[in-house]
Amino acid sequence: MRPMLLLPLLLSLAGEVLAEACIVHSQDARIEVRLCQQNRNIPAELFRSGFCQPQLKDQQVDVEFVESCPGGAFGVCRDAQVSNLPYRQDIHYYGVASDGRFLRPACEQNSGGRWESGD
């Protein structure tokens, strides 16, 4: 294959390898939250500019884009539907495992997701 033909192919593949997950870390004076959103079918630009940019009042929020969510989550909400839109994501929760008793019902009832303990 000629180099000039190979370049567009490589560039298109590189676009597919870009970060499709984001780690969101927020904290205020009392609570610290760390989760990771793994994109399933949200358009990439919308995922990066909207879904991974939470606006939480009185909280410092840091977002890091990664290729995939790291292990070590105490629970994962698989195939969660986003706000009655056709979009889906997996949400990995890190931190206090006892929070799962609140997160599991929210995952299953509000997001139509499937809860999995630990990963």
PDB file of N, CA and C in Angstrom:
ATOM      1  N   MET A   1       0.849  -1.169   0.000  1.00  0.00           N
ATOM      2  CA  MET A   1       0.000   0.000   0.000  1.00  0.00           C
ATOM      3  C   MET A   1       0.895   1.232   0.000  1.00  0.00           C
ATOM      4  N   ARG A   2       0.533   2.192  -0.802  1.00  0.00           N
ATOM      5  CA  ARG A   2       1.329   3.411  -0.899  1.00  0.00           C
ATOM      6  C   ARG A   2       1.139   4.273   0.344  1.00  0.00           C
ATOM      7  N   PRO A   3       2.195   4.963   0.791  1.00  0.00           N
ATOM      8  CA  PRO A   3       2.123   5.770   2.007  1.00  0.00           C
ATOM      9  C   PRO A   3       0.987   6.792   1.991  1.00  0.00           C
ATOM     10  N   MET A   4       0.712   7.416   0.844  1.00  0.00           N
ATOM     11  CA  MET A   4      -0.339   8.431   0.790  1.00  0.00           C
ATOM     12  C   MET A   4      -1.717   7.814   1.014  1.00  0.00           C
ATOM     13  N   LEU A   5      -1.906   6.568   0.648  1.00  0.00           N
ATOM     14  CA  LEU A   5      -3.182   5.906   0.871  1.00  0.00           C
ATOM     15  C   LEU A   5      -3.291   5.386   2.303  1.00  0.00           C
ATOM     16  N   LEU A   6      -2.169   5.084   2.895  1.00  0.00           N
ATOM     17  CA  LEU A   6      -2.146   4.549   4.246  1.00  0.00           C
ATOM     18  C   LEU A   6      -2.458   5.623   5.294  1.00  0.00           C
ATOM     19  N   LEU A   7      -2.054   6.862   5.041  1.00  0.00           N
ATOM     20  CA  LEU A   7      -2.250   7.938   6.005  1.00  0.00           C
ATOM     21  C   LEU A   7      -3.723   8.157   6.358  1.00  0.00           C
ATOM     22  N   PRO A   8      -4.644   8.290   5.404  1.00  0.00           N
ATOM     23  CA  PRO A   8      -6.054   8.464   5.795  1.00  0.00           C
ATOM     24  C   PRO A   8      -6.596   7.281   6.599  1.00  0.00           C
ATOM     25  N   LEU A   9      -6.154   6.085   6.273  1.00  0.00           N
ATOM     26  CA  LEU A   9      -6.595   4.916   7.012  1.00  0.00           C
ATOM     27  C   LEU A   9      -6.117   4.992   8.458  1.00  0.00           C
ATOM     28  N   LEU A  10      -4.863   5.340   8.659  1.00  0.00           N
ATOM     29  CA  LEU A  10      -4.322   5.459  10.008  1.00  0.00           C
ATOM     30  C   LEU A  10      -5.014   6.573  10.798  1.00  0.00           C
ATOM     31  N   LEU A  11      -5.302   7.683  10.142  1.00  0.00           N
ATOM     32  CA  LEU A  11      -5.982   8.777  10.821  1.00  0.00           C
ATOM     33  C   LEU A  11      -7.395   8.389  11.223  1.00  0.00           C
ATOM     34  N   SER A  12      -8.089   7.641  10.379  1.00  0.00           N
ATOM     35  CA  SER A  12      -9.438   7.216  10.737  1.00  0.00           C
ATOM     36  C   SER A  12      -9.404   6.232  11.896  1.00  0.00           C
ATOM     37  N   LEU A  13      -8.417   5.358  11.934  1.00  0.00           N
ATOM     38  CA  LEU A  13      -8.293   4.431  13.052  1.00  0.00           C
ATOM     39  C   LEU A  13      -7.926   5.162  14.337  1.00  0.00           C
ATOM     40  N   ALA A  14      -7.092   6.184  14.228  1.00  0.00           N
ATOM     41  CA  ALA A  14      -6.695   6.957  15.403  1.00  0.00           C
ATOM     42  C   ALA A  14      -7.906   7.629  16.023  1.00  0.00           C
ATOM     43  N   GLY A  15      -8.859   8.084  15.205  1.00  0.00           N
ATOM     44  CA  GLY A  15     -10.073   8.696  15.719  1.00  0.00           C
ATOM     45  C   GLY A  15     -10.884   7.734  16.556  1.00  0.00           C
ATOM     46  N   GLU A  16     -10.835   6.452  16.247  1.00  0.00           N
ATOM     47  CA  GLU A  16     -11.592   5.463  16.991  1.00  0.00           C
ATOM     48  C   GLU A  16     -10.939   5.128  18.333  1.00  0.00           C
ATOM     49  N   VAL A  17      -9.652   5.416  18.470  1.00  0.00           N
ATOM     50  CA  VAL A  17      -8.920   5.047  19.670  1.00  0.00           C
ATOM     51  C   VAL A  17      -8.964   6.170  20.710  1.00  0.00           C
ATOM     52  N   LEU A  18      -9.495   7.335  20.353  1.00  0.00           N
ATOM     53  CA  LEU A  18      -9.546   8.445  21.287  1.00  0.00           C
ATOM     54  C   LEU A  18     -10.338   8.067  22.532  1.00  0.00           C
ATOM     55  N   ALA A  19     -10.124   8.825  23.594  1.00  0.00           N
ATOM     56  CA  ALA A  19     -10.793   8.557  24.866  1.00  0.00           C
ATOM     57  C   ALA A  19     -12.292   8.450  24.696  1.00  0.00           C
ATOM     58  N   GLU A  20     -12.831   7.374  25.226  1.00  0.00           N
ATOM     59  CA  GLU A  20     -14.270   7.196  25.204  1.00  0.00           C
ATOM     60  C   GLU A  20     -14.798   6.985  26.619  1.00  0.00           C
ATOM     61  N   ALA A  21     -14.045   7.460  27.564  1.00  0.00           N
ATOM     62  CA  ALA A  21     -14.471   7.408  28.958  1.00  0.00           C
ATOM     63  C   ALA A  21     -13.947   8.652  29.655  1.00  0.00           C
ATOM     64  N   CYS A  22     -14.611   9.005  30.742  1.00  0.00           N
ATOM     65  CA  CYS A  22     -14.109  10.134  31.524  1.00  0.00           C
ATOM     66  C   CYS A  22     -14.260   9.817  33.001  1.00  0.00           C
ATOM     67  N   ILE A  23     -13.236  10.172  33.741  1.00  0.00           N
ATOM     68  CA  ILE A  23     -13.249  10.019  35.189  1.00  0.00           C
ATOM     69  C   ILE A  23     -13.638  11.378  35.759  1.00  0.00           C
ATOM     70  N   VAL A  24     -14.695  11.372  36.562  1.00  0.00           N
ATOM     71  CA  VAL A  24     -15.186  12.599  37.185  1.00  0.00           C
ATOM     72  C   VAL A  24     -14.923  12.498  38.679  1.00  0.00           C
ATOM     73  N   HIS A  25     -14.202  13.481  39.182  1.00  0.00           N
ATOM     74  CA  HIS A  25     -13.878  13.527  40.605  1.00  0.00           C
ATOM     75  C   HIS A  25     -14.398  14.854  41.132  1.00  0.00           C
ATOM     76  N   SER A  26     -15.291  14.792  42.112  1.00  0.00           N
ATOM     77  CA  SER A  26     -15.813  16.025  42.696  1.00  0.00           C
ATOM     78  C   SER A  26     -15.742  15.941  44.206  1.00  0.00           C
ATOM     79  N   GLN A  27     -15.653  17.119  44.820  1.00  0.00           N
ATOM     80  CA  GLN A  27     -15.635  17.147  46.271  1.00  0.00           C
ATOM     81  C   GLN A  27     -16.066  18.509  46.771  1.00  0.00           C
ATOM     82  N   ASP A  28     -16.648  18.475  47.947  1.00  0.00           N
ATOM     83  CA  ASP A  28     -16.931  19.701  48.673  1.00  0.00           C
ATOM     84  C   ASP A  28     -16.397  19.499  50.087  1.00  0.00           C
ATOM     85  N   ALA A  29     -16.847  20.269  51.023  1.00  0.00           N
ATOM     86  CA  ALA A  29     -16.311  20.185  52.380  1.00  0.00           C
ATOM     87  C   ALA A  29     -16.599  18.838  53.047  1.00  0.00           C
ATOM     88  N   ARG A  30     -17.675  18.134  52.625  1.00  0.00           N
ATOM     89  CA  ARG A  30     -18.066  16.904  53.309  1.00  0.00           C
ATOM     90  C   ARG A  30     -17.989  15.651  52.451  1.00  0.00           C
ATOM     91  N   ILE A  31     -18.214  15.766  51.158  1.00  0.00           N
ATOM     92  CA  ILE A  31     -18.371  14.580  50.315  1.00  0.00           C
ATOM     93  C   ILE A  31     -17.371  14.586  49.163  1.00  0.00           C
ATOM     94  N   GLU A  32     -16.832  13.414  48.894  1.00  0.00           N
ATOM     95  CA  GLU A  32     -15.948  13.220  47.753  1.00  0.00           C
ATOM     96  C   GLU A  32     -16.546  12.109  46.885  1.00  0.00           C
ATOM     97  N   VAL A  33     -16.649  12.358  45.595  1.00  0.00           N
ATOM     98  CA  VAL A  33     -17.236  11.393  44.663  1.00  0.00           C
ATOM     99  C   VAL A  33     -16.260  11.150  43.525  1.00  0.00           C
ATOM    100  N   ARG A  34     -16.104   9.875  43.162  1.00  0.00           N
ATOM    101  CA  ARG A  34     -15.274   9.518  42.009  1.00  0.00           C
ATOM    102  C   ARG A  34     -16.034   8.466  41.212  1.00  0.00           C
ATOM    103  N   LEU A  35     -16.279   8.786  39.950  1.00  0.00           N
ATOM    104  CA  LEU A  35     -16.938   7.841  39.064  1.00  0.00           C
ATOM    105  C   LEU A  35     -16.328   7.955  37.680  1.00  0.00           C
ATOM    106  N   CYS A  36     -16.630   6.966  36.858  1.00  0.00           N
ATOM    107  CA  CYS A  36     -16.131   6.970  35.484  1.00  0.00           C
ATOM    108  C   CYS A  36     -17.287   6.616  34.564  1.00  0.00           C
ATOM    109  N   GLN A  37     -17.468   7.415  33.539  1.00  0.00           N
ATOM    110  CA  GLN A  37     -18.517   7.189  32.553  1.00  0.00           C
ATOM    111  C   GLN A  37     -17.872   6.600  31.294  1.00  0.00           C
ATOM    112  N   GLN A  38     -18.287   5.408  30.916  1.00  0.00           N
ATOM    113  CA  GLN A  38     -17.777   4.731  29.723  1.00  0.00           C
ATOM    114  C   GLN A  38     -18.832   4.878  28.631  1.00  0.00           C
ATOM    115  N   ASN A  39     -18.478   5.540  27.548  1.00  0.00           N
ATOM    116  CA  ASN A  39     -19.408   5.791  26.452  1.00  0.00           C
ATOM    117  C   ASN A  39     -19.755   4.511  25.701  1.00  0.00           C
ATOM    118  N   ARG A  40     -21.026   4.323  25.416  1.00  0.00           N
ATOM    119  CA  ARG A  40     -21.470   3.206  24.580  1.00  0.00           C
ATOM    120  C   ARG A  40     -21.894   3.700  23.201  1.00  0.00           C
ATOM    121  N   ASN A  41     -22.778   4.703  23.137  1.00  0.00           N
ATOM    122  CA  ASN A  41     -23.252   5.156  21.832  1.00  0.00           C
ATOM    123  C   ASN A  41     -23.562   6.654  21.777  1.00  0.00           C
ATOM    124  N   ILE A  42     -23.017   7.414  22.709  1.00  0.00           N
ATOM    125  CA  ILE A  42     -23.209   8.860  22.705  1.00  0.00           C
ATOM    126  C   ILE A  42     -22.242   9.459  21.685  1.00  0.00           C
ATOM    127  N   PRO A  43     -22.705  10.360  20.806  1.00  0.00           N
ATOM    128  CA  PRO A  43     -21.770  10.991  19.877  1.00  0.00           C
ATOM    129  C   PRO A  43     -20.575  11.588  20.632  1.00  0.00           C
ATOM    130  N   ALA A  44     -19.390  11.343  20.115  1.00  0.00           N
ATOM    131  CA  ALA A  44     -18.148  11.692  20.830  1.00  0.00           C
ATOM    132  C   ALA A  44     -18.116  13.141  21.298  1.00  0.00           C
ATOM    133  N   GLU A  45     -18.472  14.085  20.454  1.00  0.00           N
ATOM    134  CA  GLU A  45     -18.411  15.494  20.835  1.00  0.00           C
ATOM    135  C   GLU A  45     -19.407  15.804  21.949  1.00  0.00           C
ATOM    136  N   LEU A  46     -20.593  15.236  21.863  1.00  0.00           N
ATOM    137  CA  LEU A  46     -21.603  15.428  22.901  1.00  0.00           C
ATOM    138  C   LEU A  46     -21.151  14.808  24.214  1.00  0.00           C
ATOM    139  N   PHE A  47     -20.541  13.647  24.142  1.00  0.00           N
ATOM    140  CA  PHE A  47     -20.028  12.975  25.338  1.00  0.00           C
ATOM    141  C   PHE A  47     -18.991  13.849  26.032  1.00  0.00           C
ATOM    142  N   ARG A  48     -18.048  14.367  25.248  1.00  0.00           N
ATOM    143  CA  ARG A  48     -16.966  15.170  25.820  1.00  0.00           C
ATOM    144  C   ARG A  48     -17.439  16.529  26.326  1.00  0.00           C
ATOM    145  N   SER A  49     -18.325  17.176  25.595  1.00  0.00           N
ATOM    146  CA  SER A  49     -18.701  18.549  25.946  1.00  0.00           C
ATOM    147  C   SER A  49     -19.885  18.635  26.898  1.00  0.00           C
ATOM    148  N   GLY A  50     -20.677  17.592  27.007  1.00  0.00           N
ATOM    149  CA  GLY A  50     -21.854  17.659  27.851  1.00  0.00           C
ATOM    150  C   GLY A  50     -21.861  16.643  28.968  1.00  0.00           C
ATOM    151  N   PHE A  51     -21.791  15.385  28.616  1.00  0.00           N
ATOM    152  CA  PHE A  51     -21.923  14.319  29.604  1.00  0.00           C
ATOM    153  C   PHE A  51     -20.753  14.268  30.572  1.00  0.00           C
ATOM    154  N   CYS A  52     -19.598  14.675  30.134  1.00  0.00           N
ATOM    155  CA  CYS A  52     -18.409  14.627  30.998  1.00  0.00           C
ATOM    156  C   CYS A  52     -18.054  15.990  31.577  1.00  0.00           C
ATOM    157  N   GLN A  53     -19.001  16.898  31.590  1.00  0.00           N
ATOM    158  CA  GLN A  53     -18.755  18.223  32.133  1.00  0.00           C
ATOM    159  C   GLN A  53     -19.847  18.597  33.130  1.00  0.00           C
ATOM    160  N   PRO A  54     -19.936  17.879  34.249  1.00  0.00           N
ATOM    161  CA  PRO A  54     -21.007  18.168  35.207  1.00  0.00           C
ATOM    162  C   PRO A  54     -20.826  19.529  35.871  1.00  0.00           C
ATOM    163  N   GLN A  55     -21.942  20.177  36.115  1.00  0.00           N
ATOM    164  CA  GLN A  55     -21.945  21.452  36.826  1.00  0.00           C
ATOM    165  C   GLN A  55     -22.551  21.192  38.201  1.00  0.00           C
ATOM    166  N   LEU A  56     -21.725  21.079  39.213  1.00  0.00           N
ATOM    167  CA  LEU A  56     -22.175  20.765  40.564  1.00  0.00           C
ATOM    168  C   LEU A  56     -21.930  21.978  41.456  1.00  0.00           C
ATOM    169  N   LYS A  57     -22.996  22.530  41.970  1.00  0.00           N
ATOM    170  CA  LYS A  57     -22.920  23.738  42.784  1.00  0.00           C
ATOM    171  C   LYS A  57     -22.040  23.522  44.020  1.00  0.00           C
ATOM    172  N   ASP A  58     -21.168  24.472  44.257  1.00  0.00           N
ATOM    173  CA  ASP A  58     -20.285  24.489  45.429  1.00  0.00           C
ATOM    174  C   ASP A  58     -19.349  23.291  45.512  1.00  0.00           C
ATOM    175  N   GLN A  59     -19.037  22.681  44.379  1.00  0.00           N
ATOM    176  CA  GLN A  59     -18.105  21.555  44.375  1.00  0.00           C
ATOM    177  C   GLN A  59     -17.006  21.794  43.350  1.00  0.00           C
ATOM    178  N   GLN A  60     -15.817  21.385  43.720  1.00  0.00           N
ATOM    179  CA  GLN A  60     -14.706  21.402  42.790  1.00  0.00           C
ATOM    180  C   GLN A  60     -14.807  20.122  41.969  1.00  0.00           C
ATOM    181  N   VAL A  61     -14.775  20.244  40.637  1.00  0.00           N
ATOM    182  CA  VAL A  61     -14.922  19.082  39.759  1.00  0.00           C
ATOM    183  C   VAL A  61     -13.722  19.001  38.830  1.00  0.00           C
ATOM    184  N   ASP A  62     -13.096  17.821  38.794  1.00  0.00           N
ATOM    185  CA  ASP A  62     -12.003  17.557  37.872  1.00  0.00           C
ATOM    186  C   ASP A  62     -12.444  16.427  36.948  1.00  0.00           C
ATOM    187  N   VAL A  63     -12.140  16.567  35.653  1.00  0.00           N
ATOM    188  CA  VAL A  63     -12.495  15.549  34.666  1.00  0.00           C
ATOM    189  C   VAL A  63     -11.237  15.138  33.920  1.00  0.00           C
ATOM    190  N   GLU A  64     -11.052  13.844  33.797  1.00  0.00           N
ATOM    191  CA  GLU A  64      -9.921  13.292  33.049  1.00  0.00           C
ATOM    192  C   GLU A  64     -10.469  12.330  31.998  1.00  0.00           C
ATOM    193  N   PHE A  65     -10.085  12.538  30.744  1.00  0.00           N
ATOM    194  CA  PHE A  65     -10.509  11.647  29.669  1.00  0.00           C
ATOM    195  C   PHE A  65      -9.520  10.496  29.549  1.00  0.00           C
ATOM    196  N   VAL A  66     -10.043   9.293  29.466  1.00  0.00           N
ATOM    197  CA  VAL A  66      -9.231   8.088  29.378  1.00  0.00           C
ATOM    198  C   VAL A  66      -9.827   7.178  28.299  1.00  0.00           C
ATOM    199  N   GLU A  67      -9.056   6.198  27.887  1.00  0.00           N
ATOM    200  CA  GLU A  67      -9.518   5.263  26.861  1.00  0.00           C
ATOM    201  C   GLU A  67     -10.636   4.365  27.385  1.00  0.00           C
ATOM    202  N   SER A  68     -10.509   3.923  28.636  1.00  0.00           N
ATOM    203  CA  SER A  68     -11.551   3.111  29.261  1.00  0.00           C
ATOM    204  C   SER A  68     -11.474   3.294  30.767  1.00  0.00           C
ATOM    205  N   CYS A  69     -12.551   2.953  31.451  1.00  0.00           N
ATOM    206  CA  CYS A  69     -12.602   3.122  32.900  1.00  0.00           C
ATOM    207  C   CYS A  69     -11.643   2.154  33.582  1.00  0.00           C
ATOM    208  N   PRO A  70     -10.951   2.633  34.620  1.00  0.00           N
ATOM    209  CA  PRO A  70     -10.034   1.747  35.355  1.00  0.00           C
ATOM    210  C   PRO A  70     -10.805   0.751  36.212  1.00  0.00           C
ATOM    211  N   GLY A  71     -10.146  -0.323  36.591  1.00  0.00           N
ATOM    212  CA  GLY A  71     -10.729  -1.304  37.498  1.00  0.00           C
ATOM    213  C   GLY A  71     -10.806  -0.741  38.901  1.00  0.00           C
ATOM    214  N   GLY A  72     -11.348  -1.542  39.800  1.00  0.00           N
ATOM    215  CA  GLY A  72     -11.407  -1.137  41.187  1.00  0.00           C
ATOM    216  C   GLY A  72     -12.712  -0.502  41.611  1.00  0.00           C
ATOM    217  N   ALA A  73     -13.711  -0.445  40.723  1.00  0.00           N
ATOM    218  CA  ALA A  73     -15.004   0.121  41.093  1.00  0.00           C
ATOM    219  C   ALA A  73     -15.740  -0.847  42.016  1.00  0.00           C
ATOM    220  N   PHE A  74     -16.486  -0.304  42.970  1.00  0.00           N
ATOM    221  CA  PHE A  74     -17.278  -1.179  43.846  1.00  0.00           C
ATOM    222  C   PHE A  74     -18.577  -1.590  43.166  1.00  0.00           C
ATOM    223  N   GLY A  75     -18.967  -0.850  42.124  1.00  0.00           N
ATOM    224  CA  GLY A  75     -20.173  -1.185  41.381  1.00  0.00           C
ATOM    225  C   GLY A  75     -20.174  -0.519  40.018  1.00  0.00           C
ATOM    226  N   VAL A  76     -20.888  -1.145  39.083  1.00  0.00           N
ATOM    227  CA  VAL A  76     -20.990  -0.608  37.725  1.00  0.00           C
ATOM    228  C   VAL A  76     -22.444  -0.685  37.291  1.00  0.00           C
ATOM    229  N   CYS A  77     -22.958   0.424  36.803  1.00  0.00           N
ATOM    230  CA  CYS A  77     -24.295   0.452  36.206  1.00  0.00           C
ATOM    231  C   CYS A  77     -24.096   0.288  34.708  1.00  0.00           C
ATOM    232  N   ARG A  78     -24.346  -0.904  34.209  1.00  0.00           N
ATOM    233  CA  ARG A  78     -24.128  -1.227  32.793  1.00  0.00           C
ATOM    234  C   ARG A  78     -25.328  -0.814  31.952  1.00  0.00           C
ATOM    235  N   ASP A  79     -25.042  -0.265  30.796  1.00  0.00           N
ATOM    236  CA  ASP A  79     -26.055   0.056  29.792  1.00  0.00           C
ATOM    237  C   ASP A  79     -27.102   1.040  30.314  1.00  0.00           C
ATOM    238  N   ALA A  80     -26.656   2.012  31.110  1.00  0.00           N
ATOM    239  CA  ALA A  80     -27.558   3.016  31.669  1.00  0.00           C
ATOM    240  C   ALA A  80     -28.043   3.949  30.574  1.00  0.00           C
ATOM    241  N   GLN A  81     -29.341   4.163  30.537  1.00  0.00           N
ATOM    242  CA  GLN A  81     -29.917   5.098  29.569  1.00  0.00           C
ATOM    243  C   GLN A  81     -29.792   6.502  30.118  1.00  0.00           C
ATOM    244  N   VAL A  82     -29.482   7.438  29.252  1.00  0.00           N
ATOM    245  CA  VAL A  82     -29.233   8.807  29.653  1.00  0.00           C
ATOM    246  C   VAL A  82     -30.476   9.665  29.426  1.00  0.00           C
ATOM    247  N   SER A  83     -31.080  10.131  30.508  1.00  0.00           N
ATOM    248  CA  SER A  83     -32.163  11.124  30.482  1.00  0.00           C
ATOM    249  C   SER A  83     -33.209  10.908  29.394  1.00  0.00           C
ATOM    250  N   ASN A  84     -33.743   9.735  29.292  1.00  0.00           N
ATOM    251  CA  ASN A  84     -34.783   9.418  28.306  1.00  0.00           C
ATOM    252  C   ASN A  84     -34.369   9.692  26.860  1.00  0.00           C
ATOM    253  N   LEU A  85     -33.076   9.709  26.621  1.00  0.00           N
ATOM    254  CA  LEU A  85     -32.530   9.847  25.272  1.00  0.00           C
ATOM    255  C   LEU A  85     -32.106   8.457  24.814  1.00  0.00           C
ATOM    256  N   PRO A  86     -31.810   8.288  23.538  1.00  0.00           N
ATOM    257  CA  PRO A  86     -31.416   6.962  23.063  1.00  0.00           C
ATOM    258  C   PRO A  86     -29.963   6.597  23.399  1.00  0.00           C
ATOM    259  N   TYR A  87     -29.314   7.378  24.229  1.00  0.00           N
ATOM    260  CA  TYR A  87     -27.896   7.183  24.522  1.00  0.00           C
ATOM    261  C   TYR A  87     -27.694   6.271  25.724  1.00  0.00           C
ATOM    262  N   ARG A  88     -26.588   5.505  25.673  1.00  0.00           N
ATOM    263  CA  ARG A  88     -26.260   4.554  26.739  1.00  0.00           C
ATOM    264  C   ARG A  88     -24.801   4.719  27.157  1.00  0.00           C
ATOM    265  N   GLN A  89     -24.563   4.424  28.439  1.00  0.00           N
ATOM    266  CA  GLN A  89     -23.203   4.452  28.979  1.00  0.00           C
ATOM    267  C   GLN A  89     -23.116   3.486  30.146  1.00  0.00           C
ATOM    268  N   ASP A  90     -21.887   3.110  30.498  1.00  0.00           N
ATOM    269  CA  ASP A  90     -21.630   2.325  31.697  1.00  0.00           C
ATOM    270  C   ASP A  90     -21.039   3.290  32.713  1.00  0.00           C
ATOM    271  N   ILE A  91     -21.555   3.262  33.946  1.00  0.00           N
ATOM    272  CA  ILE A  91     -21.073   4.169  34.975  1.00  0.00           C
ATOM    273  C   ILE A  91     -20.404   3.344  36.070  1.00  0.00           C
ATOM    274  N   HIS A  92     -19.115   3.579  36.274  1.00  0.00           N
ATOM    275  CA  HIS A  92     -18.313   2.873  37.271  1.00  0.00           C
ATOM    276  C   HIS A  92     -18.211   3.763  38.510  1.00  0.00           C
ATOM    277  N   TYR A  93     -18.512   3.190  39.677  1.00  0.00           N
ATOM    278  CA  TYR A  93     -18.479   3.941  40.931  1.00  0.00           C
ATOM    279  C   TYR A  93     -17.321   3.480  41.812  1.00  0.00           C
ATOM    280  N   TYR A  94     -16.576   4.456  42.329  1.00  0.00           N
ATOM    281  CA  TYR A  94     -15.428   4.192  43.189  1.00  0.00           C
ATOM    282  C   TYR A  94     -15.667   4.883  44.537  1.00  0.00           C
ATOM    283  N   GLY A  95     -15.043   4.411  45.563  1.00  0.00           N
ATOM    284  CA  GLY A  95     -15.163   5.093  46.852  1.00  0.00           C
ATOM    285  C   GLY A  95     -15.832   4.230  47.891  1.00  0.00           C
ATOM    286  N   VAL A  96     -16.949   4.702  48.427  1.00  0.00           N
ATOM    287  CA  VAL A  96     -17.627   4.060  49.549  1.00  0.00           C
ATOM    288  C   VAL A  96     -18.607   3.009  49.036  1.00  0.00           C
ATOM    289  N   ALA A  97     -18.267   1.747  49.230  1.00  0.00           N
ATOM    290  CA  ALA A  97     -19.071   0.642  48.700  1.00  0.00           C
ATOM    291  C   ALA A  97     -20.490   0.626  49.242  1.00  0.00           C
ATOM    292  N   SER A  98     -20.702   1.105  50.462  1.00  0.00           N
ATOM    293  CA  SER A  98     -22.055   1.102  51.030  1.00  0.00           C
ATOM    294  C   SER A  98     -23.004   2.030  50.260  1.00  0.00           C
ATOM    295  N   ASP A  99     -22.458   2.939  49.448  1.00  0.00           N
ATOM    296  CA  ASP A  99     -23.299   3.795  48.608  1.00  0.00           C
ATOM    297  C   ASP A  99     -24.061   2.978  47.565  1.00  0.00           C
ATOM    298  N   GLY A 100     -23.612   1.753  47.341  1.00  0.00           N
ATOM    299  CA  GLY A 100     -24.277   0.884  46.371  1.00  0.00           C
ATOM    300  C   GLY A 100     -25.741   0.662  46.687  1.00  0.00           C
ATOM    301  N   ARG A 101     -26.105   0.731  47.961  1.00  0.00           N
ATOM    302  CA  ARG A 101     -27.512   0.511  48.325  1.00  0.00           C
ATOM    303  C   ARG A 101     -28.417   1.614  47.789  1.00  0.00           C
ATOM    304  N   PHE A 102     -27.858   2.789  47.498  1.00  0.00           N
ATOM    305  CA  PHE A 102     -28.612   3.882  46.884  1.00  0.00           C
ATOM    306  C   PHE A 102     -28.445   3.884  45.369  1.00  0.00           C
ATOM    307  N   LEU A 103     -27.235   3.547  44.934  1.00  0.00           N
ATOM    308  CA  LEU A 103     -26.922   3.622  43.515  1.00  0.00           C
ATOM    309  C   LEU A 103     -27.571   2.495  42.706  1.00  0.00           C
ATOM    310  N   ARG A 104     -27.659   1.315  43.277  1.00  0.00           N
ATOM    311  CA  ARG A 104     -28.250   0.178  42.550  1.00  0.00           C
ATOM    312  C   ARG A 104     -29.701   0.457  42.164  1.00  0.00           C
ATOM    313  N   PRO A 105     -30.583   0.876  43.097  1.00  0.00           N
ATOM    314  CA  PRO A 105     -31.961   1.157  42.691  1.00  0.00           C
ATOM    315  C   PRO A 105     -32.041   2.283  41.653  1.00  0.00           C
ATOM    316  N   ALA A 106     -31.197   3.302  41.798  1.00  0.00           N
ATOM    317  CA  ALA A 106     -31.192   4.398  40.821  1.00  0.00           C
ATOM    318  C   ALA A 106     -30.787   3.876  39.443  1.00  0.00           C
ATOM    319  N   CYS A 107     -29.793   3.010  39.426  1.00  0.00           N
ATOM    320  CA  CYS A 107     -29.327   2.414  38.171  1.00  0.00           C
ATOM    321  C   CYS A 107     -30.451   1.633  37.499  1.00  0.00           C
ATOM    322  N   GLU A 108     -31.057   0.747  38.256  1.00  0.00           N
ATOM    323  CA  GLU A 108     -32.039  -0.163  37.681  1.00  0.00           C
ATOM    324  C   GLU A 108     -33.387   0.506  37.393  1.00  0.00           C
ATOM    325  N   GLN A 109     -33.847   1.376  38.279  1.00  0.00           N
ATOM    326  CA  GLN A 109     -35.175   1.967  38.118  1.00  0.00           C
ATOM    327  C   GLN A 109     -35.168   3.252  37.293  1.00  0.00           C
ATOM    328  N   ASN A 110     -34.204   4.118  37.530  1.00  0.00           N
ATOM    329  CA  ASN A 110     -34.182   5.409  36.831  1.00  0.00           C
ATOM    330  C   ASN A 110     -33.475   5.350  35.492  1.00  0.00           C
ATOM    331  N   SER A 111     -32.431   4.523  35.396  1.00  0.00           N
ATOM    332  CA  SER A 111     -31.620   4.493  34.178  1.00  0.00           C
ATOM    333  C   SER A 111     -31.847   3.250  33.333  1.00  0.00           C
ATOM    334  N   GLY A 112     -32.644   2.320  33.833  1.00  0.00           N
ATOM    335  CA  GLY A 112     -32.876   1.081  33.079  1.00  0.00           C
ATOM    336  C   GLY A 112     -31.608   0.277  32.878  1.00  0.00           C
ATOM    337  N   GLY A 113     -30.647   0.466  33.769  1.00  0.00           N
ATOM    338  CA  GLY A 113     -29.367  -0.222  33.667  1.00  0.00           C
ATOM    339  C   GLY A 113     -29.364  -1.546  34.408  1.00  0.00           C
ATOM    340  N   ARG A 114     -28.238  -2.199  34.373  1.00  0.00           N
ATOM    341  CA  ARG A 114     -28.021  -3.495  35.028  1.00  0.00           C
ATOM    342  C   ARG A 114     -26.858  -3.324  36.006  1.00  0.00           C
ATOM    343  N   TRP A 115     -27.124  -3.494  37.297  1.00  0.00           N
ATOM    344  CA  TRP A 115     -26.104  -3.293  38.336  1.00  0.00           C
ATOM    345  C   TRP A 115     -25.196  -4.510  38.451  1.00  0.00           C
ATOM    346  N   GLU A 116     -23.902  -4.264  38.510  1.00  0.00           N
ATOM    347  CA  GLU A 116     -22.911  -5.310  38.756  1.00  0.00           C
ATOM    348  C   GLU A 116     -22.038  -4.864  39.917  1.00  0.00           C
ATOM    349  N   SER A 117     -21.860  -5.708  40.893  1.00  0.00           N
ATOM    350  CA  SER A 117     -20.996  -5.393  42.028  1.00  0.00           C
ATOM    351  C   SER A 117     -19.543  -5.648  41.662  1.00  0.00           C
ATOM    352  N   GLY A 118     -18.713  -4.658  41.938  1.00  0.00           N
ATOM    353  CA  GLY A 118     -17.266  -4.765  41.724  1.00  0.00           C
ATOM    354  C   GLY A 118     -16.851  -5.101  40.306  1.00  0.00           C
ATOM    355  N   ASP A 119     -15.642  -4.677  39.951  1.00  0.00           N
ATOM    356  CA  ASP A 119     -15.064  -5.053  38.654  1.00  0.00           C
ATOM    357  C   ASP A 119     -13.595  -5.299  38.752  1.00  0.00           C
TER     358      ASP A 119
END
